[in-house]
Amino acid sequence: MSEKLQLRWLLDPALVGPQMRQQLLGCWQEVANAGGAVGFPFTPVSEEQVESAIDAMVDSLGQGVNRILLAVVNAELAGWLYLAGNSSELTAHWARVSRVQTALEYRNSGVGRALMNEVARAAADDLSLEQLHLELRSGMGLTGFYQSCGWQEIGRRPGALRFAGGDRDEVLMMLTLPHQRKQQVDFADGHKANRDRPGDR
């Protein structure tokens, strides 16, 4: 791809203006109707369906680590994904990646890999997460791509997804993120505190 690819995070609903909403809608609807597994299993998908999903996603921004990652080329949306965190203390150390998609005209140009590399970097470096998870539909040829990005398949729900053409497995994948180890530092009063060890990343 000769044009310069830019990656940008949207962390707040106020950052998603009318023009960006229209670009998200156009990309999402086009990818879904082309057969992409991006949250709308039954096609054709209408603008109203996508608009409702965008409203819910945008309303969630700013809650925990919830955010949208955009891939932009010449001010045009080339792809995007959604990162959603967990509110429970039990699962706050990981987040879920979903809606990963590349606009049709930018497929096979490295956009998807750039998105996956950036979400992994940000999750580890900016959010101090330890794991990322995602689910995908079997039979779409996607497992190999995610494995090439460092993800591993950790399980399946056999026949969990029912389509007119037959049942599909739901594939569970995980990325283990690098994180800083802690060391205990003793103070004179006997209390201990955790301190990041430089150079451990």
C-alpha atoms as a PDB file:
ATOM      1  CA  MET A   1       0.000   0.000   0.000  1.00  0.00           C
ATOM      2  CA  SER A   2       1.621   3.240  -1.185  1.00  0.00           C
ATOM      3  CA  GLU A   3      -0.583   5.546   0.896  1.00  0.00           C
ATOM      4  CA  LYS A   4       0.345   6.147   4.523  1.00  0.00           C
ATOM      5  CA  LEU A   5      -1.716   4.204   7.042  1.00  0.00           C
ATOM      6  CA  GLN A   6      -2.579   6.001  10.278  1.00  0.00           C
ATOM      7  CA  LEU A   7      -3.942   4.358  13.414  1.00  0.00           C
ATOM      8  CA  ARG A   8      -6.108   6.325  15.814  1.00  0.00           C
ATOM      9  CA  TRP A   9      -8.021   5.456  19.007  1.00  0.00           C
ATOM     10  CA  LEU A  10     -11.483   6.790  19.817  1.00  0.00           C
ATOM     11  CA  LEU A  11     -11.923   6.857  23.600  1.00  0.00           C
ATOM     12  CA  ASP A  12     -14.997   9.061  24.018  1.00  0.00           C
ATOM     13  CA  PRO A  13     -18.424   9.324  22.327  1.00  0.00           C
ATOM     14  CA  ALA A  14     -17.749  12.985  21.541  1.00  0.00           C
ATOM     15  CA  LEU A  15     -14.979  11.891  19.154  1.00  0.00           C
ATOM     16  CA  VAL A  16     -17.432  10.033  16.925  1.00  0.00           C
ATOM     17  CA  GLY A  17     -19.028  12.793  14.864  1.00  0.00           C
ATOM     18  CA  PRO A  18     -21.535  12.451  12.013  1.00  0.00           C
ATOM     19  CA  GLN A  19     -18.865  11.923   9.345  1.00  0.00           C
ATOM     20  CA  MET A  20     -17.122   9.205  11.343  1.00  0.00           C
ATOM     21  CA  ARG A  21     -20.451   7.507  12.082  1.00  0.00           C
ATOM     22  CA  GLN A  22     -21.194   7.451   8.362  1.00  0.00           C
ATOM     23  CA  GLN A  23     -17.806   5.927   7.579  1.00  0.00           C
ATOM     24  CA  LEU A  24     -18.235   3.276  10.280  1.00  0.00           C
ATOM     25  CA  LEU A  25     -21.720   2.492   8.978  1.00  0.00           C
ATOM     26  CA  GLY A  26     -20.575   2.201   5.376  1.00  0.00           C
ATOM     27  CA  CYS A  27     -17.621  -0.043   6.186  1.00  0.00           C
ATOM     28  CA  TRP A  28     -19.540  -2.275   8.613  1.00  0.00           C
ATOM     29  CA  GLN A  29     -22.536  -2.759   6.316  1.00  0.00           C
ATOM     30  CA  GLU A  30     -20.360  -3.438   3.274  1.00  0.00           C
ATOM     31  CA  VAL A  31     -18.151  -5.965   5.067  1.00  0.00           C
ATOM     32  CA  ALA A  32     -21.148  -7.736   6.640  1.00  0.00           C
ATOM     33  CA  ASN A  33     -23.012  -7.990   3.334  1.00  0.00           C
ATOM     34  CA  ALA A  34     -19.860  -9.352   1.689  1.00  0.00           C
ATOM     35  CA  GLY A  35     -19.967 -12.269   4.127  1.00  0.00           C
ATOM     36  CA  GLY A  36     -17.660 -10.966   6.845  1.00  0.00           C
ATOM     37  CA  ALA A  37     -18.168 -12.336  10.370  1.00  0.00           C
ATOM     38  CA  VAL A  38     -18.533  -8.932  12.047  1.00  0.00           C
ATOM     39  CA  GLY A  39     -21.590  -9.305  14.259  1.00  0.00           C
ATOM     40  CA  PHE A  40     -24.391  -9.676  11.709  1.00  0.00           C
ATOM     41  CA  PRO A  41     -24.728 -13.370  10.870  1.00  0.00           C
ATOM     42  CA  PHE A  42     -27.801 -13.013   8.667  1.00  0.00           C
ATOM     43  CA  THR A  43     -27.611 -10.933   5.508  1.00  0.00           C
ATOM     44  CA  PRO A  44     -28.513  -8.639   3.917  1.00  0.00           C
ATOM     45  CA  VAL A  45     -27.875  -6.146   6.705  1.00  0.00           C
ATOM     46  CA  SER A  46     -29.769  -2.854   6.635  1.00  0.00           C
ATOM     47  CA  GLU A  47     -28.499   0.612   7.539  1.00  0.00           C
ATOM     48  CA  GLU A  48     -30.926   0.660  10.465  1.00  0.00           C
ATOM     49  CA  GLN A  49     -29.393  -2.499  11.938  1.00  0.00           C
ATOM     50  CA  VAL A  50     -25.876  -1.118  11.677  1.00  0.00           C
ATOM     51  CA  GLU A  51     -26.887   2.295  13.040  1.00  0.00           C
ATOM     52  CA  SER A  52     -28.368   0.646  16.136  1.00  0.00           C
ATOM     53  CA  ALA A  53     -25.170  -1.344  16.702  1.00  0.00           C
ATOM     54  CA  ILE A  54     -23.030   1.779  16.244  1.00  0.00           C
ATOM     55  CA  ASP A  55     -25.156   3.692  18.763  1.00  0.00           C
ATOM     56  CA  ALA A  56     -24.650   0.982  21.389  1.00  0.00           C
ATOM     57  CA  MET A  57     -20.922   0.755  20.724  1.00  0.00           C
ATOM     58  CA  VAL A  58     -20.359   4.521  20.786  1.00  0.00           C
ATOM     59  CA  ASP A  59     -22.395   4.900  23.987  1.00  0.00           C
ATOM     60  CA  SER A  60     -20.039   2.407  25.671  1.00  0.00           C
ATOM     61  CA  LEU A  61     -16.887   4.407  24.934  1.00  0.00           C
ATOM     62  CA  GLY A  62     -15.211   5.800  28.014  1.00  0.00           C
ATOM     63  CA  GLN A  63     -16.503   2.974  30.214  1.00  0.00           C
ATOM     64  CA  GLY A  64     -13.431   1.163  31.483  1.00  0.00           C
ATOM     65  CA  VAL A  65     -11.070   0.408  28.599  1.00  0.00           C
ATOM     66  CA  ASN A  66     -13.791   0.393  25.911  1.00  0.00           C
ATOM     67  CA  ARG A  67     -12.514   2.035  22.736  1.00  0.00           C
ATOM     68  CA  ILE A  68     -12.468   1.897  18.941  1.00  0.00           C
ATOM     69  CA  LEU A  69      -9.278   1.594  16.900  1.00  0.00           C
ATOM     70  CA  LEU A  70      -9.371   3.148  13.433  1.00  0.00           C
ATOM     71  CA  ALA A  71      -7.096   2.510  10.464  1.00  0.00           C
ATOM     72  CA  VAL A  72      -7.215   5.554   8.175  1.00  0.00           C
ATOM     73  CA  VAL A  73      -5.702   6.157   4.740  1.00  0.00           C
ATOM     74  CA  ASN A  74      -5.976   9.656   3.247  1.00  0.00           C
ATOM     75  CA  ALA A  75      -8.811  10.540   5.674  1.00  0.00           C
ATOM     76  CA  GLU A  76     -10.716   7.433   4.519  1.00  0.00           C
ATOM     77  CA  LEU A  77     -11.614   4.589   6.882  1.00  0.00           C
ATOM     78  CA  ALA A  78      -9.631   1.509   5.845  1.00  0.00           C
ATOM     79  CA  GLY A  79     -10.564  -0.709   8.792  1.00  0.00           C
ATOM     80  CA  TRP A  80     -11.343  -0.772  12.490  1.00  0.00           C
ATOM     81  CA  LEU A  81     -11.924  -2.892  15.580  1.00  0.00           C
ATOM     82  CA  TYR A  82     -13.547  -2.597  18.987  1.00  0.00           C
ATOM     83  CA  LEU A  83     -11.845  -3.293  22.322  1.00  0.00           C
ATOM     84  CA  ALA A  84     -14.102  -3.961  25.326  1.00  0.00           C
ATOM     85  CA  GLY A  85     -12.975  -4.405  28.907  1.00  0.00           C
ATOM     86  CA  ASN A  86     -14.551  -6.177  31.873  1.00  0.00           C
ATOM     87  CA  SER A  87     -16.097  -4.439  34.871  1.00  0.00           C
ATOM     88  CA  SER A  88     -15.580  -7.343  37.269  1.00  0.00           C
ATOM     89  CA  GLU A  89     -12.415  -7.402  39.365  1.00  0.00           C
ATOM     90  CA  LEU A  90     -12.129 -11.106  38.541  1.00  0.00           C
ATOM     91  CA  THR A  91     -11.702 -10.455  34.815  1.00  0.00           C
ATOM     92  CA  ALA A  92     -10.323  -6.904  34.734  1.00  0.00           C
ATOM     93  CA  HIS A  93      -6.891  -8.195  33.639  1.00  0.00           C
ATOM     94  CA  TRP A  94      -8.127  -9.030  30.139  1.00  0.00           C
ATOM     95  CA  ALA A  95     -10.258  -7.497  27.400  1.00  0.00           C
ATOM     96  CA  ARG A  96     -12.141  -8.703  24.337  1.00  0.00           C
ATOM     97  CA  VAL A  97     -11.406  -7.754  20.728  1.00  0.00           C
ATOM     98  CA  SER A  98     -14.312  -7.783  18.294  1.00  0.00           C
ATOM     99  CA  ARG A  99     -15.685  -6.369  15.023  1.00  0.00           C
ATOM    100  CA  VAL A 100     -12.243  -6.664  13.385  1.00  0.00           C
ATOM    101  CA  GLN A 101     -12.709  -5.611   9.756  1.00  0.00           C
ATOM    102  CA  THR A 102     -10.974  -4.164   6.734  1.00  0.00           C
ATOM    103  CA  ALA A 103     -12.834  -2.119   4.126  1.00  0.00           C
ATOM    104  CA  LEU A 104     -13.167  -4.182   0.952  1.00  0.00           C
ATOM    105  CA  GLU A 105     -10.931  -1.926  -1.152  1.00  0.00           C
ATOM    106  CA  TYR A 106      -8.105  -2.233   1.418  1.00  0.00           C
ATOM    107  CA  ARG A 107      -8.099  -5.996   1.858  1.00  0.00           C
ATOM    108  CA  ASN A 108      -4.767  -7.806   1.496  1.00  0.00           C
ATOM    109  CA  SER A 109      -2.884  -4.563   2.092  1.00  0.00           C
ATOM    110  CA  GLY A 110      -1.770  -5.124   5.704  1.00  0.00           C
ATOM    111  CA  VAL A 111      -4.549  -3.157   7.390  1.00  0.00           C
ATOM    112  CA  GLY A 112      -5.811  -6.094   9.462  1.00  0.00           C
ATOM    113  CA  ARG A 113      -2.337  -6.966  10.716  1.00  0.00           C
ATOM    114  CA  ALA A 114      -1.651  -3.320  11.596  1.00  0.00           C
ATOM    115  CA  LEU A 115      -4.859  -3.223  13.645  1.00  0.00           C
ATOM    116  CA  MET A 116      -3.966  -6.416  15.506  1.00  0.00           C
ATOM    117  CA  ASN A 117      -0.417  -5.246  16.226  1.00  0.00           C
ATOM    118  CA  GLU A 118      -1.627  -1.925  17.599  1.00  0.00           C
ATOM    119  CA  VAL A 119      -4.359  -3.367  19.803  1.00  0.00           C
ATOM    120  CA  ALA A 120      -1.795  -5.751  21.320  1.00  0.00           C
ATOM    121  CA  ARG A 121       0.675  -2.905  21.902  1.00  0.00           C
ATOM    122  CA  ALA A 122      -1.891  -0.597  23.468  1.00  0.00           C
ATOM    123  CA  ALA A 123      -3.386  -3.322  25.655  1.00  0.00           C
ATOM    124  CA  ALA A 124       0.026  -4.152  27.121  1.00  0.00           C
ATOM    125  CA  ASP A 125       1.752  -0.760  27.209  1.00  0.00           C
ATOM    126  CA  ASP A 126      -1.118   1.678  27.789  1.00  0.00           C
ATOM    127  CA  LEU A 127      -3.694  -0.419  29.654  1.00  0.00           C
ATOM    128  CA  SER A 128      -1.437  -2.929  31.488  1.00  0.00           C
ATOM    129  CA  LEU A 129      -3.660  -5.826  30.433  1.00  0.00           C
ATOM    130  CA  GLU A 130      -2.349  -9.380  30.542  1.00  0.00           C
ATOM    131  CA  GLN A 131      -4.564 -11.092  27.949  1.00  0.00           C
ATOM    132  CA  LEU A 132      -6.757 -10.375  24.962  1.00  0.00           C
ATOM    133  CA  HIS A 133      -9.577 -12.693  23.898  1.00  0.00           C
ATOM    134  CA  LEU A 134     -11.715 -13.016  20.802  1.00  0.00           C
ATOM    135  CA  GLU A 135     -14.262 -15.403  19.353  1.00  0.00           C
ATOM    136  CA  LEU A 136     -14.627 -16.246  15.684  1.00  0.00           C
ATOM    137  CA  ARG A 137     -16.752 -18.412  13.423  1.00  0.00           C
ATOM    138  CA  SER A 138     -15.130 -21.581  12.084  1.00  0.00           C
ATOM    139  CA  GLY A 139     -14.929 -22.127   8.353  1.00  0.00           C
ATOM    140  CA  MET A 140     -14.064 -18.508   7.545  1.00  0.00           C
ATOM    141  CA  GLY A 141     -10.324 -19.027   7.078  1.00  0.00           C
ATOM    142  CA  LEU A 142      -9.490 -16.613   9.898  1.00  0.00           C
ATOM    143  CA  THR A 143      -7.763 -18.855  12.428  1.00  0.00           C
ATOM    144  CA  GLY A 144      -4.478 -18.876  10.530  1.00  0.00           C
ATOM    145  CA  PHE A 145      -4.407 -15.094  10.289  1.00  0.00           C
ATOM    146  CA  TYR A 146      -4.822 -14.624  14.025  1.00  0.00           C
ATOM    147  CA  GLN A 147      -2.254 -17.317  14.767  1.00  0.00           C
ATOM    148  CA  SER A 148       0.220 -15.460  12.542  1.00  0.00           C
ATOM    149  CA  CYS A 149      -0.385 -12.415  14.777  1.00  0.00           C
ATOM    150  CA  GLY A 150       0.603 -14.413  17.867  1.00  0.00           C
ATOM    151  CA  TRP A 151      -2.836 -15.588  18.983  1.00  0.00           C
ATOM    152  CA  GLN A 152      -3.541 -19.186  19.979  1.00  0.00           C
ATOM    153  CA  GLU A 153      -6.699 -21.250  19.838  1.00  0.00           C
ATOM    154  CA  ILE A 154      -7.659 -22.218  23.397  1.00  0.00           C
ATOM    155  CA  GLY A 155     -10.920 -24.039  22.748  1.00  0.00           C
ATOM    156  CA  ARG A 156     -14.092 -24.410  20.723  1.00  0.00           C
ATOM    157  CA  ARG A 157     -17.809 -24.531  21.274  1.00  0.00           C
ATOM    158  CA  PRO A 158     -18.728 -27.263  18.781  1.00  0.00           C
ATOM    159  CA  GLY A 159     -21.770 -26.465  16.654  1.00  0.00           C
ATOM    160  CA  ALA A 160     -22.554 -23.395  18.761  1.00  0.00           C
ATOM    161  CA  LEU A 161     -23.488 -21.213  15.776  1.00  0.00           C
ATOM    162  CA  ARG A 162     -26.501 -22.283  13.715  1.00  0.00           C
ATOM    163  CA  PHE A 163     -26.814 -21.102  10.121  1.00  0.00           C
ATOM    164  CA  ALA A 164     -29.093 -22.144   7.311  1.00  0.00           C
ATOM    165  CA  GLY A 165     -26.190 -23.922   5.619  1.00  0.00           C
ATOM    166  CA  GLY A 166     -25.214 -25.858   8.742  1.00  0.00           C
ATOM    167  CA  ASP A 167     -23.769 -25.430  12.199  1.00  0.00           C
ATOM    168  CA  ARG A 168     -20.364 -23.831  12.807  1.00  0.00           C
ATOM    169  CA  ASP A 169     -18.009 -24.027  15.752  1.00  0.00           C
ATOM    170  CA  GLU A 170     -17.272 -20.915  17.776  1.00  0.00           C
ATOM    171  CA  VAL A 171     -13.483 -20.729  18.030  1.00  0.00           C
ATOM    172  CA  LEU A 172     -11.996 -19.204  21.195  1.00  0.00           C
ATOM    173  CA  MET A 173      -8.653 -17.458  20.811  1.00  0.00           C
ATOM    174  CA  MET A 174      -6.311 -15.710  23.237  1.00  0.00           C
ATOM    175  CA  LEU A 175      -3.236 -13.506  23.048  1.00  0.00           C
ATOM    176  CA  THR A 176      -0.910 -13.486  26.058  1.00  0.00           C
ATOM    177  CA  LEU A 177       0.554 -10.018  26.502  1.00  0.00           C
ATOM    178  CA  PRO A 178       3.964  -9.083  27.910  1.00  0.00           C
ATOM    179  CA  HIS A 179       3.686  -7.354  31.256  1.00  0.00           C
ATOM    180  CA  GLN A 180       6.003  -5.941  33.860  1.00  0.00           C
ATOM    181  CA  ARG A 181       6.871  -8.174  36.785  1.00  0.00           C
ATOM    182  CA  LYS A 182       6.773  -6.704  40.275  1.00  0.00           C
ATOM    183  CA  GLN A 183       9.353  -6.930  43.021  1.00  0.00           C
ATOM    184  CA  GLN A 184       8.809  -6.370  46.703  1.00  0.00           C
ATOM    185  CA  VAL A 185      10.647  -3.399  48.213  1.00  0.00           C
ATOM    186  CA  ASP A 186      11.094  -3.318  51.991  1.00  0.00           C
ATOM    187  CA  PHE A 187      10.798  -0.014  53.806  1.00  0.00           C
ATOM    188  CA  ALA A 188      12.165   0.892  57.239  1.00  0.00           C
ATOM    189  CA  ASP A 189       8.740   0.760  58.833  1.00  0.00           C
ATOM    190  CA  GLY A 190       8.277  -2.827  57.758  1.00  0.00           C
ATOM    191  CA  HIS A 191       5.688  -2.152  55.041  1.00  0.00           C
ATOM    192  CA  LYS A 192       6.214  -3.443  51.536  1.00  0.00           C
ATOM    193  CA  ALA A 193       5.370  -1.887  48.181  1.00  0.00           C
ATOM    194  CA  ASN A 194       5.418  -3.149  44.618  1.00  0.00           C
ATOM    195  CA  ARG A 195       7.776  -1.490  42.167  1.00  0.00           C
ATOM    196  CA  ASP A 196       8.156  -2.128  38.456  1.00  0.00           C
ATOM    197  CA  ARG A 197      11.522  -3.559  37.542  1.00  0.00           C
ATOM    198  CA  PRO A 198      13.063  -1.578  34.693  1.00  0.00           C
ATOM    199  CA  GLY A 199      13.981  -3.538  31.601  1.00  0.00           C
ATOM    200  CA  ASP A 200      11.628  -6.434  32.323  1.00  0.00           C
ATOM    201  CA  ARG A 201       9.325  -5.778  29.369  1.00  0.00           C
END
